[in-house]
């Protein structure tokens, strides 16, 4: 009897490990680095990405983070007194996002926008959120396949709510 229970427990543990590593079970995990902390689903790995402050990805989603210090943004007319909306407008003016609407969360913790973009004939869904820290603005861009938008948009927003920046 003890052997049967032990066998069942080992099988359950193996199933949990396999399912969580493939993203089938979304166990929350906290990730930190470069002055940002976020809680997302498990399975994300930090990768080097030249234009990012920090970058995490897994097989079905990614998060690219860019930190822009107030001193870096001075040439764009932004500083520590600038608002999140002013920063978001600068991001929109300096990039080709097309026609997107800036949205405010109920928590008022961050502003965000959603858009889709095709790269090499593959359509992606993006949710970009902006935050203000003590010395910088932060642009956090989540992405998944466009076909997974309904699945990931609420997850991205929930994950974005957990962000803290220095």
Foldseek 3Di string as FASTA:
>chain_A
DVVVVVVVVVVVVVVVVVCLQQVVDFDWDWDDDPFKIWIAGPNWDWDDDPQASTKIDHPFKIKGKHWQFQVNCVVVVGHLPDDLVVVVVVVPVVDPQDDWDWAADPVNQWIKIWGWDDDPNFIKIKIWIWHDDPGTIMIMIMMGGPVCCVVCPVRVVVRVVGMDGD
